[in-house]
Amino acid sequence: MYLRNAWYVAAWSDEIEDKPVRRIILEEPVVLYRGLGHAVIALEDACPHRKLPLSMGQVTGDNLRCGYHGLEFSPDGVCVHAPGLARIPPKACVRRYPVAERYGLVWIWTGNPELADPDEILTVAHYDDPAWGVNLGPAMDVSCGYQYMTDNLLDPSHVTYVHKTSLGNAATADVPVRMTILDNGVLASRWMLDCELAPFFRPYVSFAGHADRLQHYEVRYPSHAIIRDIIAPANSGAPQGQLHPDVFLLDSYNFVTPVTEHSCRYFWFQVRNFRPDCEATDQALTNDFISAFNEDLIVLSAVDYGMTNKRTPNTDIETDAAPLRFRRMLQKMIEAEHAPEHLVS
């Protein structure tokens, strides 16, 4: 089950042009395209006649024409043209999904359209700040259920072992993780003090020697994460809020969209407080994050298979506290959404 009254990422904005694009979102087929005004339109990807995907059809102005018998549907999902028929079938319509564009992404609302408020989309600090750089990577298809992704994004402890030559090292092994319950999600975090810096960060940090590093792993409902790294010279006061002039600040925004029970799509970008106009840094960071994230995807695919086909019960451990709390709270939200008084007629 999924939380449907929520915004999910459907695509990067530049993926959607005047040709229909098919996506599976929360197990529902959706077609996206741009009409005459260049606004993104999202409809159910199934012609009501014989259920041919409308993504196999053609954009005609603001409308979408089915590739089987030419029925055309307006941006509202209503059939407005039926070639060769005496009248348009009154039940010939498809579902329309509210959409919005923010941060170069197309967001889609999958629940009650009357509740769709674009102002509820997560705010990205510093996205338009000229003093901060932005780098982004490709959407990644992941062979695991989306909650294994949110588990991972609430688990700083895995970096020592999954990312031992990139984001993690021995210095990240034994520092305990603190859980904080937020109004809109869960935070797992820890300060690692006076430690050797992980290999990933060495090319980007402007000071030498040991560091104090914050791992801030925050996941918001339904499945969006902010991973924040603060790296400062050791003993310079960063844990107390005193930021050294050479402090490294990087926020990684991660958006997980469920596709099926055992697959999801992963969108991400980073904002940083250094080298804001350096294209070489943009590309290097993107490449480094692709390599690190691919390490996650290999593990998570195997975890999904192992948990799906387990022969004996799995054992939860202390570092699962934040992921399990997130799962429980999300499940309560899903159950509340499916209560009779919340169902859409």
C-alpha atoms as a PDB file:
ATOM      1  CA  MET A   1       0.000   0.000   0.000  1.00  0.00           C
ATOM      2  CA  TYR A   2       1.056   3.566  -0.670  1.00  0.00           C
ATOM      3  CA  LEU A   3       0.289   7.022   0.657  1.00  0.00           C
ATOM      4  CA  ARG A   4      -1.620   8.549  -2.229  1.00  0.00           C
ATOM      5  CA  ASN A   5      -2.420  12.028  -0.941  1.00  0.00           C
ATOM      6  CA  ALA A   6       1.149  13.132  -1.489  1.00  0.00           C
ATOM      7  CA  TRP A   7       3.461  14.646  -4.090  1.00  0.00           C
ATOM      8  CA  TYR A   8       5.874  12.293  -5.843  1.00  0.00           C
ATOM      9  CA  VAL A   9       8.439  13.019  -8.539  1.00  0.00           C
ATOM     10  CA  ALA A  10       7.330  11.775 -11.942  1.00  0.00           C
ATOM     11  CA  ALA A  11      10.228  12.932 -14.118  1.00  0.00           C
ATOM     12  CA  TRP A  12      12.894  15.513 -14.708  1.00  0.00           C
ATOM     13  CA  SER A  13      11.310  18.490 -16.456  1.00  0.00           C
ATOM     14  CA  ASP A  14      13.538  18.115 -19.505  1.00  0.00           C
ATOM     15  CA  GLU A  15      12.317  14.526 -19.982  1.00  0.00           C
ATOM     16  CA  ILE A  16       8.828  15.762 -20.882  1.00  0.00           C
ATOM     17  CA  GLU A  17       8.365  17.413 -24.261  1.00  0.00           C
ATOM     18  CA  ASP A  18       5.599  17.344 -26.889  1.00  0.00           C
ATOM     19  CA  LYS A  19       5.754  13.558 -27.224  1.00  0.00           C
ATOM     20  CA  PRO A  20       3.925  11.367 -24.692  1.00  0.00           C
ATOM     21  CA  VAL A  21       6.048   9.709 -22.002  1.00  0.00           C
ATOM     22  CA  ARG A  22       4.892   6.662 -20.040  1.00  0.00           C
ATOM     23  CA  ARG A  23       5.582   6.226 -16.333  1.00  0.00           C
ATOM     24  CA  ILE A  24       4.427   3.683 -13.769  1.00  0.00           C
ATOM     25  CA  ILE A  25       3.801   5.487 -10.470  1.00  0.00           C
ATOM     26  CA  LEU A  26       2.449   3.647  -7.430  1.00  0.00           C
ATOM     27  CA  GLU A  27       1.612   0.781  -9.834  1.00  0.00           C
ATOM     28  CA  GLU A  28      -0.551   3.110 -11.934  1.00  0.00           C
ATOM     29  CA  PRO A  29       0.275   3.770 -15.620  1.00  0.00           C
ATOM     30  CA  VAL A  30       0.559   7.510 -16.274  1.00  0.00           C
ATOM     31  CA  VAL A  31       1.244   9.409 -19.486  1.00  0.00           C
ATOM     32  CA  LEU A  32       2.893  12.841 -19.389  1.00  0.00           C
ATOM     33  CA  TYR A  33       3.228  15.398 -22.170  1.00  0.00           C
ATOM     34  CA  ARG A  34       3.339  19.151 -22.772  1.00  0.00           C
ATOM     35  CA  GLY A  35       0.498  20.988 -24.462  1.00  0.00           C
ATOM     36  CA  LEU A  36       0.453  24.263 -26.374  1.00  0.00           C
ATOM     37  CA  GLY A  37       1.173  26.347 -23.277  1.00  0.00           C
ATOM     38  CA  HIS A  38       4.181  24.132 -22.448  1.00  0.00           C
ATOM     39  CA  ALA A  39       2.566  23.082 -19.167  1.00  0.00           C
ATOM     40  CA  VAL A  40       2.942  19.415 -18.229  1.00  0.00           C
ATOM     41  CA  ILE A  41      -0.235  17.327 -18.454  1.00  0.00           C
ATOM     42  CA  ALA A  42      -0.607  13.948 -16.747  1.00  0.00           C
ATOM     43  CA  LEU A  43      -3.363  11.458 -17.588  1.00  0.00           C
ATOM     44  CA  GLU A  44      -4.158   7.817 -16.989  1.00  0.00           C
ATOM     45  CA  ASP A  45      -2.204   5.912 -19.613  1.00  0.00           C
ATOM     46  CA  ALA A  46      -5.032   3.774 -20.928  1.00  0.00           C
ATOM     47  CA  CYS A  47      -7.612   4.637 -23.559  1.00  0.00           C
ATOM     48  CA  PRO A  48     -11.056   3.737 -22.155  1.00  0.00           C
ATOM     49  CA  HIS A  49     -11.977   1.947 -25.381  1.00  0.00           C
ATOM     50  CA  ARG A  50      -9.539  -0.982 -25.484  1.00  0.00           C
ATOM     51  CA  LYS A  51      -6.991   0.203 -22.915  1.00  0.00           C
ATOM     52  CA  LEU A  52      -4.208   0.822 -25.398  1.00  0.00           C
ATOM     53  CA  PRO A  53      -1.662   3.048 -23.637  1.00  0.00           C
ATOM     54  CA  LEU A  54      -2.232   6.646 -24.691  1.00  0.00           C
ATOM     55  CA  SER A  55       1.544   7.025 -24.560  1.00  0.00           C
ATOM     56  CA  MET A  56       1.513   5.057 -27.831  1.00  0.00           C
ATOM     57  CA  GLY A  57      -0.542   7.855 -29.386  1.00  0.00           C
ATOM     58  CA  GLN A  58       0.153  11.415 -30.492  1.00  0.00           C
ATOM     59  CA  VAL A  59      -0.038  14.899 -28.983  1.00  0.00           C
ATOM     60  CA  THR A  60      -2.354  17.160 -30.989  1.00  0.00           C
ATOM     61  CA  GLY A  61      -2.229  20.677 -29.596  1.00  0.00           C
ATOM     62  CA  ASP A  62      -3.347  20.374 -25.992  1.00  0.00           C
ATOM     63  CA  ASN A  63      -4.960  16.979 -26.570  1.00  0.00           C
ATOM     64  CA  LEU A  64      -3.719  13.415 -26.695  1.00  0.00           C
ATOM     65  CA  ARG A  65      -4.887  11.142 -29.511  1.00  0.00           C
ATOM     66  CA  CYS A  66      -5.133   7.383 -29.062  1.00  0.00           C
ATOM     67  CA  GLY A  67      -3.095   5.415 -31.579  1.00  0.00           C
ATOM     68  CA  TYR A  68      -5.799   2.773 -32.104  1.00  0.00           C
ATOM     69  CA  HIS A  69      -9.000   4.546 -33.229  1.00  0.00           C
ATOM     70  CA  GLY A  70      -8.122   8.218 -32.866  1.00  0.00           C
ATOM     71  CA  LEU A  71     -10.132   9.144 -29.783  1.00  0.00           C
ATOM     72  CA  GLU A  72      -8.768  12.428 -28.455  1.00  0.00           C
ATOM     73  CA  PHE A  73      -8.615  13.464 -24.815  1.00  0.00           C
ATOM     74  CA  SER A  74      -8.318  16.968 -23.420  1.00  0.00           C
ATOM     75  CA  PRO A  75      -5.962  17.915 -20.561  1.00  0.00           C
ATOM     76  CA  ASP A  76      -8.925  17.274 -18.249  1.00  0.00           C
ATOM     77  CA  GLY A  77      -9.102  13.652 -19.434  1.00  0.00           C
ATOM     78  CA  VAL A  78     -12.388  14.118 -21.299  1.00  0.00           C
ATOM     79  CA  CYS A  79     -12.843  12.661 -24.782  1.00  0.00           C
ATOM     80  CA  VAL A  80     -13.394  15.652 -27.107  1.00  0.00           C
ATOM     81  CA  HIS A  81     -13.185  13.951 -30.505  1.00  0.00           C
ATOM     82  CA  ALA A  82     -14.237  10.498 -31.715  1.00  0.00           C
ATOM     83  CA  PRO A  83     -13.609  10.110 -35.460  1.00  0.00           C
ATOM     84  CA  GLY A  84     -16.337   8.337 -37.400  1.00  0.00           C
ATOM     85  CA  LEU A  85     -18.754   8.072 -34.462  1.00  0.00           C
ATOM     86  CA  ALA A  86     -22.212   9.633 -34.341  1.00  0.00           C
ATOM     87  CA  ARG A  87     -21.504  10.887 -30.835  1.00  0.00           C
ATOM     88  CA  ILE A  88     -18.715  10.868 -28.306  1.00  0.00           C
ATOM     89  CA  PRO A  89     -19.236   7.999 -25.821  1.00  0.00           C
ATOM     90  CA  PRO A  90     -20.287   9.732 -22.578  1.00  0.00           C
ATOM     91  CA  LYS A  91     -18.117   7.476 -20.416  1.00  0.00           C
ATOM     92  CA  ALA A  92     -15.015   7.927 -22.544  1.00  0.00           C
ATOM     93  CA  CYS A  93     -12.734   9.710 -20.110  1.00  0.00           C
ATOM     94  CA  VAL A  94      -9.462   9.092 -18.292  1.00  0.00           C
ATOM     95  CA  ARG A  95      -8.147  10.204 -14.938  1.00  0.00           C
ATOM     96  CA  ARG A  96      -6.284  13.508 -14.752  1.00  0.00           C
ATOM     97  CA  TYR A  97      -3.457  13.926 -12.227  1.00  0.00           C
ATOM     98  CA  PRO A  98      -2.482  17.311 -10.759  1.00  0.00           C
ATOM     99  CA  VAL A  99       1.113  18.221 -11.594  1.00  0.00           C
ATOM    100  CA  ALA A 100       3.574  20.954 -10.660  1.00  0.00           C
ATOM    101  CA  GLU A 101       7.139  21.823 -11.606  1.00  0.00           C
ATOM    102  CA  ARG A 102       9.737  22.664  -8.976  1.00  0.00           C
ATOM    103  CA  TYR A 103      13.554  22.458  -9.009  1.00  0.00           C
ATOM    104  CA  GLY A 104      13.683  21.068 -12.532  1.00  0.00           C
ATOM    105  CA  LEU A 105      11.380  18.191 -11.559  1.00  0.00           C
ATOM    106  CA  VAL A 106       7.819  17.274 -12.499  1.00  0.00           C
ATOM    107  CA  TRP A 107       5.785  16.449  -9.397  1.00  0.00           C
ATOM    108  CA  ILE A 108       2.551  14.464  -9.514  1.00  0.00           C
ATOM    109  CA  TRP A 109      -0.268  14.191  -6.974  1.00  0.00           C
ATOM    110  CA  THR A 110      -1.639  10.661  -6.846  1.00  0.00           C
ATOM    111  CA  GLY A 111      -4.578  11.067  -4.456  1.00  0.00           C
ATOM    112  CA  ASN A 112      -7.690  13.209  -4.160  1.00  0.00           C
ATOM    113  CA  PRO A 113      -7.123  16.089  -6.626  1.00  0.00           C
ATOM    114  CA  GLU A 114      -9.057  18.491  -4.404  1.00  0.00           C
ATOM    115  CA  LEU A 115      -6.295  18.143  -1.785  1.00  0.00           C
ATOM    116  CA  ALA A 116      -3.394  18.867  -4.155  1.00  0.00           C
ATOM    117  CA  ASP A 117      -1.497  21.945  -2.957  1.00  0.00           C
ATOM    118  CA  PRO A 118       1.843  22.644  -4.691  1.00  0.00           C
ATOM    119  CA  ASP A 119       2.912  24.723  -1.693  1.00  0.00           C
ATOM    120  CA  GLU A 120       3.269  21.445   0.213  1.00  0.00           C
ATOM    121  CA  ILE A 121       6.138  20.330  -2.028  1.00  0.00           C
ATOM    122  CA  LEU A 122       9.370  20.116  -0.058  1.00  0.00           C
ATOM    123  CA  THR A 123      11.359  23.376   0.011  1.00  0.00           C
ATOM    124  CA  VAL A 124      14.964  23.193  -1.199  1.00  0.00           C
ATOM    125  CA  ALA A 125      17.119  25.714   0.640  1.00  0.00           C
ATOM    126  CA  HIS A 126      19.812  27.500  -1.410  1.00  0.00           C
ATOM    127  CA  TYR A 127      18.553  26.117  -4.736  1.00  0.00           C
ATOM    128  CA  ASP A 128      18.522  29.595  -6.300  1.00  0.00           C
ATOM    129  CA  ASP A 129      21.309  31.020  -4.139  1.00  0.00           C
ATOM    130  CA  PRO A 130      24.140  32.256  -6.422  1.00  0.00           C
ATOM    131  CA  ALA A 131      26.653  31.489  -3.661  1.00  0.00           C
ATOM    132  CA  TRP A 132      25.740  27.802  -3.791  1.00  0.00           C
ATOM    133  CA  GLY A 133      26.385  25.304  -6.554  1.00  0.00           C
ATOM    134  CA  VAL A 134      23.924  22.691  -7.799  1.00  0.00           C
ATOM    135  CA  ASN A 135      24.728  19.360  -9.434  1.00  0.00           C
ATOM    136  CA  LEU A 136      22.255  16.722 -10.515  1.00  0.00           C
ATOM    137  CA  GLY A 137      22.313  13.211 -11.818  1.00  0.00           C
ATOM    138  CA  PRO A 138      20.149  10.909 -13.882  1.00  0.00           C
ATOM    139  CA  ALA A 139      17.049   9.218 -12.514  1.00  0.00           C
ATOM    140  CA  MET A 140      17.997   5.736 -11.353  1.00  0.00           C
ATOM    141  CA  ASP A 141      15.790   2.642 -11.597  1.00  0.00           C
ATOM    142  CA  VAL A 142      16.088   0.565  -8.437  1.00  0.00           C
ATOM    143  CA  SER A 143      15.127  -3.108  -8.078  1.00  0.00           C
ATOM    144  CA  CYS A 144      13.712  -2.917  -4.584  1.00  0.00           C
ATOM    145  CA  GLY A 145      10.585  -1.799  -2.785  1.00  0.00           C
ATOM    146  CA  TYR A 146      10.658   1.915  -2.015  1.00  0.00           C
ATOM    147  CA  GLN A 147      10.707   1.377   1.754  1.00  0.00           C
ATOM    148  CA  TYR A 148      14.070  -0.342   1.534  1.00  0.00           C
ATOM    149  CA  MET A 149      15.266   2.913  -0.008  1.00  0.00           C
ATOM    150  CA  THR A 150      13.825   4.963   2.860  1.00  0.00           C
ATOM    151  CA  ASP A 151      15.389   2.492   5.310  1.00  0.00           C
ATOM    152  CA  ASN A 152      18.753   3.132   3.674  1.00  0.00           C
ATOM    153  CA  LEU A 153      18.272   6.912   3.691  1.00  0.00           C
ATOM    154  CA  LEU A 154      17.665   6.780   7.456  1.00  0.00           C
ATOM    155  CA  ASP A 155      20.728   4.673   8.195  1.00  0.00           C
ATOM    156  CA  PRO A 156      24.066   6.511   8.539  1.00  0.00           C
ATOM    157  CA  SER A 157      25.686   3.359   9.912  1.00  0.00           C
ATOM    158  CA  HIS A 158      25.742   1.526   6.576  1.00  0.00           C
ATOM    159  CA  VAL A 159      28.278   3.896   4.997  1.00  0.00           C
ATOM    160  CA  THR A 160      31.214   2.190   6.765  1.00  0.00           C
ATOM    161  CA  TYR A 161      30.558  -1.074   4.954  1.00  0.00           C
ATOM    162  CA  VAL A 162      28.633  -0.316   1.763  1.00  0.00           C
ATOM    163  CA  HIS A 163      30.697   2.788   0.958  1.00  0.00           C
ATOM    164  CA  LYS A 164      34.015   1.861   2.544  1.00  0.00           C
ATOM    165  CA  THR A 165      36.075   3.443  -0.258  1.00  0.00           C
ATOM    166  CA  SER A 166      33.811   6.469  -0.817  1.00  0.00           C
ATOM    167  CA  LEU A 167      31.387   7.994   1.702  1.00  0.00           C
ATOM    168  CA  GLY A 168      32.560   5.877   4.631  1.00  0.00           C
ATOM    169  CA  ASN A 169      35.685   4.632   6.360  1.00  0.00           C
ATOM    170  CA  ALA A 170      36.707   3.115   9.687  1.00  0.00           C
ATOM    171  CA  ALA A 171      36.047   6.442  11.423  1.00  0.00           C
ATOM    172  CA  THR A 172      32.310   5.990  10.783  1.00  0.00           C
ATOM    173  CA  ALA A 173      32.045   2.538  12.353  1.00  0.00           C
ATOM    174  CA  ASP A 174      31.282   2.875  16.050  1.00  0.00           C
ATOM    175  CA  VAL A 175      29.699   6.306  16.533  1.00  0.00           C
ATOM    176  CA  PRO A 176      26.094   5.898  17.796  1.00  0.00           C
ATOM    177  CA  VAL A 177      23.163   7.308  15.855  1.00  0.00           C
ATOM    178  CA  ARG A 178      20.555   9.573  17.443  1.00  0.00           C
ATOM    179  CA  MET A 179      16.914   9.461  16.306  1.00  0.00           C
ATOM    180  CA  THR A 180      14.695  12.563  16.296  1.00  0.00           C
ATOM    181  CA  ILE A 181      10.971  12.455  15.522  1.00  0.00           C
ATOM    182  CA  LEU A 182       9.881  15.313  13.271  1.00  0.00           C
ATOM    183  CA  ASP A 183       6.408  16.607  12.435  1.00  0.00           C
ATOM    184  CA  ASN A 184       6.822  15.440   8.835  1.00  0.00           C
ATOM    185  CA  GLY A 185       9.279  12.578   9.133  1.00  0.00           C
ATOM    186  CA  VAL A 186      12.210  11.085  11.035  1.00  0.00           C
ATOM    187  CA  LEU A 187      15.837  12.181  11.438  1.00  0.00           C
ATOM    188  CA  ALA A 188      18.834   9.942  12.152  1.00  0.00           C
ATOM    189  CA  SER A 189      22.044  11.853  12.843  1.00  0.00           C
ATOM    190  CA  ARG A 190      25.459  11.730  14.456  1.00  0.00           C
ATOM    191  CA  TRP A 191      28.562  13.857  14.866  1.00  0.00           C
ATOM    192  CA  MET A 192      31.882  12.137  14.229  1.00  0.00           C
ATOM    193  CA  LEU A 193      34.553  14.175  15.999  1.00  0.00           C
ATOM    194  CA  ASP A 194      38.239  14.566  15.218  1.00  0.00           C
ATOM    195  CA  CYS A 195      38.110  11.811  12.612  1.00  0.00           C
ATOM    196  CA  GLU A 196      39.907  10.974   9.408  1.00  0.00           C
ATOM    197  CA  LEU A 197      37.935  12.203   6.426  1.00  0.00           C
ATOM    198  CA  ALA A 198      36.224   9.639   4.152  1.00  0.00           C
ATOM    199  CA  PRO A 199      37.781   9.397   0.650  1.00  0.00           C
ATOM    200  CA  PHE A 200      34.729  10.862  -1.139  1.00  0.00           C
ATOM    201  CA  PHE A 201      35.177  14.299   0.414  1.00  0.00           C
ATOM    202  CA  ARG A 202      38.941  14.817   0.158  1.00  0.00           C
ATOM    203  CA  PRO A 203      38.906  16.470  -3.316  1.00  0.00           C
ATOM    204  CA  TYR A 204      36.306  19.010  -2.184  1.00  0.00           C
ATOM    205  CA  VAL A 205      37.331  19.997   1.346  1.00  0.00           C
ATOM    206  CA  SER A 206      39.611  23.054   1.535  1.00  0.00           C
ATOM    207  CA  PHE A 207      41.449  22.195   4.761  1.00  0.00           C
ATOM    208  CA  ALA A 208      43.890  19.465   5.771  1.00  0.00           C
ATOM    209  CA  GLY A 209      43.882  17.132   8.732  1.00  0.00           C
ATOM    210  CA  HIS A 210      41.141  15.618  10.840  1.00  0.00           C
ATOM    211  CA  ALA A 211      37.557  16.843  10.743  1.00  0.00           C
ATOM    212  CA  ASP A 212      34.344  17.052  12.696  1.00  0.00           C
ATOM    213  CA  ARG A 213      31.594  15.657  10.459  1.00  0.00           C
ATOM    214  CA  LEU A 214      27.823  15.664  10.807  1.00  0.00           C
ATOM    215  CA  GLN A 215      25.742  12.970   9.120  1.00  0.00           C
ATOM    216  CA  HIS A 216      22.161  14.239   8.960  1.00  0.00           C
ATOM    217  CA  TYR A 217      19.808  11.628   7.456  1.00  0.00           C
ATOM    218  CA  GLU A 218      16.266  13.000   7.312  1.00  0.00           C
ATOM    219  CA  VAL A 219      13.359  11.337   5.513  1.00  0.00           C
ATOM    220  CA  ARG A 220      10.009  13.041   5.101  1.00  0.00           C
ATOM    221  CA  TYR A 221       6.712  11.389   4.289  1.00  0.00           C
ATOM    222  CA  PRO A 222       6.078   9.709   1.987  1.00  0.00           C
ATOM    223  CA  SER A 223       9.646   9.042   0.701  1.00  0.00           C
ATOM    224  CA  HIS A 224      11.770  12.169   0.296  1.00  0.00           C
ATOM    225  CA  ALA A 225      15.145  12.596   1.992  1.00  0.00           C
ATOM    226  CA  ILE A 226      17.574  15.363   2.869  1.00  0.00           C
ATOM    227  CA  ILE A 227      21.070  14.050   3.530  1.00  0.00           C
ATOM    228  CA  ARG A 228      23.184  16.857   4.997  1.00  0.00           C
ATOM    229  CA  ASP A 229      26.941  16.792   5.498  1.00  0.00           C
ATOM    230  CA  ILE A 230      28.712  19.418   7.574  1.00  0.00           C
ATOM    231  CA  ILE A 231      32.490  18.964   7.604  1.00  0.00           C
ATOM    232  CA  ALA A 232      34.709  21.375   9.510  1.00  0.00           C
ATOM    233  CA  PRO A 233      38.273  21.350  10.881  1.00  0.00           C
ATOM    234  CA  ALA A 234      38.445  19.240  14.022  1.00  0.00           C
ATOM    235  CA  ASN A 235      37.634  21.090  17.248  1.00  0.00           C
ATOM    236  CA  SER A 236      36.581  24.284  15.420  1.00  0.00           C
ATOM    237  CA  GLY A 237      33.163  24.367  17.086  1.00  0.00           C
ATOM    238  CA  ALA A 238      30.897  22.995  14.353  1.00  0.00           C
ATOM    239  CA  PRO A 239      28.796  20.791  16.704  1.00  0.00           C
ATOM    240  CA  GLN A 240      28.077  23.900  18.765  1.00  0.00           C
ATOM    241  CA  GLY A 241      26.986  25.861  15.696  1.00  0.00           C
ATOM    242  CA  GLN A 242      30.242  27.746  15.103  1.00  0.00           C
ATOM    243  CA  LEU A 243      30.971  27.329  11.413  1.00  0.00           C
ATOM    244  CA  HIS A 244      34.586  27.699  10.384  1.00  0.00           C
ATOM    245  CA  PRO A 245      35.265  29.804   7.239  1.00  0.00           C
ATOM    246  CA  ASP A 246      36.434  26.619   5.487  1.00  0.00           C
ATOM    247  CA  VAL A 247      33.380  24.566   6.469  1.00  0.00           C
ATOM    248  CA  PHE A 248      32.078  22.150   3.835  1.00  0.00           C
ATOM    249  CA  LEU A 249      28.268  22.171   3.510  1.00  0.00           C
ATOM    250  CA  LEU A 250      26.447  19.835   1.156  1.00  0.00           C
ATOM    251  CA  ASP A 251      22.765  18.933   1.103  1.00  0.00           C
ATOM    252  CA  SER A 252      21.704  15.956  -0.982  1.00  0.00           C
ATOM    253  CA  TYR A 253      18.022  15.881  -1.936  1.00  0.00           C
ATOM    254  CA  ASN A 254      16.659  12.442  -2.695  1.00  0.00           C
ATOM    255  CA  PHE A 255      13.175  11.670  -4.017  1.00  0.00           C
ATOM    256  CA  VAL A 256      11.980   8.065  -4.163  1.00  0.00           C
ATOM    257  CA  THR A 257       8.932   7.256  -6.290  1.00  0.00           C
ATOM    258  CA  PRO A 258       7.375   3.793  -5.919  1.00  0.00           C
ATOM    259  CA  VAL A 259       6.885   1.984  -9.218  1.00  0.00           C
ATOM    260  CA  THR A 260       5.819  -1.521  -8.218  1.00  0.00           C
ATOM    261  CA  GLU A 261       6.032  -3.585  -5.052  1.00  0.00           C
ATOM    262  CA  HIS A 262       9.640  -4.437  -5.871  1.00  0.00           C
ATOM    263  CA  SER A 263      10.873  -1.422  -7.818  1.00  0.00           C
ATOM    264  CA  CYS A 264      11.163   2.330  -7.487  1.00  0.00           C
ATOM    265  CA  ARG A 265      12.690   5.309  -9.272  1.00  0.00           C
ATOM    266  CA  TYR A 266      15.271   7.500  -7.578  1.00  0.00           C
ATOM    267  CA  PHE A 267      15.737  11.209  -8.359  1.00  0.00           C
ATOM    268  CA  TRP A 268      18.460  13.286  -6.712  1.00  0.00           C
ATOM    269  CA  PHE A 269      20.563  16.415  -6.759  1.00  0.00           C
ATOM    270  CA  GLN A 270      22.934  18.252  -4.418  1.00  0.00           C
ATOM    271  CA  VAL A 271      23.420  21.880  -3.371  1.00  0.00           C
ATOM    272  CA  ARG A 272      26.757  22.989  -1.904  1.00  0.00           C
ATOM    273  CA  ASN A 273      28.481  26.046  -0.458  1.00  0.00           C
ATOM    274  CA  PHE A 274      31.679  25.799  -2.529  1.00  0.00           C
ATOM    275  CA  ARG A 275      32.731  26.341  -6.167  1.00  0.00           C
ATOM    276  CA  PRO A 276      29.233  27.495  -7.199  1.00  0.00           C
ATOM    277  CA  ASP A 277      30.069  28.208 -10.852  1.00  0.00           C
ATOM    278  CA  CYS A 278      32.484  25.357 -11.505  1.00  0.00           C
ATOM    279  CA  GLU A 279      31.151  22.951 -14.130  1.00  0.00           C
ATOM    280  CA  ALA A 280      34.072  20.592 -13.509  1.00  0.00           C
ATOM    281  CA  THR A 281      33.025  20.304  -9.853  1.00  0.00           C
ATOM    282  CA  ASP A 282      29.405  19.759 -10.897  1.00  0.00           C
ATOM    283  CA  GLN A 283      30.400  16.865 -13.117  1.00  0.00           C
ATOM    284  CA  ALA A 284      32.882  15.381 -10.672  1.00  0.00           C
ATOM    285  CA  LEU A 285      30.362  15.395  -7.821  1.00  0.00           C
ATOM    286  CA  THR A 286      27.677  13.900 -10.041  1.00  0.00           C
ATOM    287  CA  ASN A 287      30.016  11.110 -11.152  1.00  0.00           C
ATOM    288  CA  ASP A 288      31.122  10.454  -7.571  1.00  0.00           C
ATOM    289  CA  PHE A 289      27.544  10.269  -6.336  1.00  0.00           C
ATOM    290  CA  ILE A 290      26.539   7.940  -9.181  1.00  0.00           C
ATOM    291  CA  SER A 291      29.338   5.591  -8.126  1.00  0.00           C
ATOM    292  CA  ALA A 292      28.328   5.772  -4.451  1.00  0.00           C
ATOM    293  CA  PHE A 293      24.625   5.321  -5.158  1.00  0.00           C
ATOM    294  CA  ASN A 294      25.333   2.333  -7.384  1.00  0.00           C
ATOM    295  CA  GLU A 295      26.935   0.706  -4.339  1.00  0.00           C
ATOM    296  CA  ASP A 296      23.609   1.173  -2.539  1.00  0.00           C
ATOM    297  CA  LEU A 297      21.550  -0.174  -5.431  1.00  0.00           C
ATOM    298  CA  ILE A 298      23.469  -3.446  -5.586  1.00  0.00           C
ATOM    299  CA  VAL A 299      22.912  -4.026  -1.873  1.00  0.00           C
ATOM    300  CA  LEU A 300      19.260  -2.962  -1.861  1.00  0.00           C
ATOM    301  CA  SER A 301      18.358  -5.202  -4.793  1.00  0.00           C
ATOM    302  CA  ALA A 302      19.859  -8.144  -2.916  1.00  0.00           C
ATOM    303  CA  VAL A 303      18.079  -7.128   0.308  1.00  0.00           C
ATOM    304  CA  ASP A 304      14.715  -6.973  -1.481  1.00  0.00           C
ATOM    305  CA  TYR A 305      15.279 -10.456  -2.885  1.00  0.00           C
ATOM    306  CA  GLY A 306      16.501 -11.814   0.440  1.00  0.00           C
ATOM    307  CA  MET A 307      13.616 -10.394   2.461  1.00  0.00           C
ATOM    308  CA  THR A 308      11.050 -11.510  -0.119  1.00  0.00           C
ATOM    309  CA  ASN A 309      12.396 -15.062  -0.188  1.00  0.00           C
ATOM    310  CA  LYS A 310      13.579 -15.460   3.412  1.00  0.00           C
ATOM    311  CA  ARG A 311      13.440 -18.938   4.954  1.00  0.00           C
ATOM    312  CA  THR A 312      13.964 -17.761   8.521  1.00  0.00           C
ATOM    313  CA  PRO A 313      12.858 -14.583  10.348  1.00  0.00           C
ATOM    314  CA  ASN A 314      15.053 -11.527   9.997  1.00  0.00           C
ATOM    315  CA  THR A 315      16.498  -9.825  13.067  1.00  0.00           C
ATOM    316  CA  ASP A 316      16.186  -6.072  13.631  1.00  0.00           C
ATOM    317  CA  ILE A 317      19.079  -4.284  15.347  1.00  0.00           C
ATOM    318  CA  GLU A 318      19.495  -0.972  17.183  1.00  0.00           C
ATOM    319  CA  THR A 319      20.403   0.993  14.060  1.00  0.00           C
ATOM    320  CA  ASP A 320      17.012   0.049  12.585  1.00  0.00           C
ATOM    321  CA  ALA A 321      15.229   2.301  15.104  1.00  0.00           C
ATOM    322  CA  ALA A 322      14.766   5.280  12.781  1.00  0.00           C
ATOM    323  CA  PRO A 323      13.770   3.275   9.662  1.00  0.00           C
ATOM    324  CA  LEU A 324      11.288   1.185  11.660  1.00  0.00           C
ATOM    325  CA  ARG A 325       9.768   4.281  13.280  1.00  0.00           C
ATOM    326  CA  PHE A 326       9.367   5.866   9.849  1.00  0.00           C
ATOM    327  CA  ARG A 327       7.696   2.728   8.494  1.00  0.00           C
ATOM    328  CA  ARG A 328       5.259   2.562  11.421  1.00  0.00           C
ATOM    329  CA  MET A 329       4.255   6.208  11.122  1.00  0.00           C
ATOM    330  CA  LEU A 330       3.855   5.985   7.359  1.00  0.00           C
ATOM    331  CA  GLN A 331       1.703   2.881   7.747  1.00  0.00           C
ATOM    332  CA  LYS A 332      -0.571   4.751  10.156  1.00  0.00           C
ATOM    333  CA  MET A 333      -0.930   7.553   7.605  1.00  0.00           C
ATOM    334  CA  ILE A 334      -1.787   5.053   4.879  1.00  0.00           C
ATOM    335  CA  GLU A 335      -4.358   3.325   7.081  1.00  0.00           C
ATOM    336  CA  ALA A 336      -5.930   6.663   8.001  1.00  0.00           C
ATOM    337  CA  GLU A 337      -6.133   7.586   4.327  1.00  0.00           C
ATOM    338  CA  HIS A 338      -8.024   4.364   3.623  1.00  0.00           C
ATOM    339  CA  ALA A 339     -10.493   4.845   6.488  1.00  0.00           C
ATOM    340  CA  PRO A 340     -14.072   5.195   5.175  1.00  0.00           C
ATOM    341  CA  GLU A 341     -14.337   8.910   6.022  1.00  0.00           C
ATOM    342  CA  HIS A 342     -11.263   9.674   3.845  1.00  0.00           C
ATOM    343  CA  LEU A 343     -12.210   7.652   0.784  1.00  0.00           C
ATOM    344  CA  VAL A 344     -13.081   9.565  -2.387  1.00  0.00           C
ATOM    345  CA  SER A 345     -16.470   8.613  -3.813  1.00  0.00           C
END
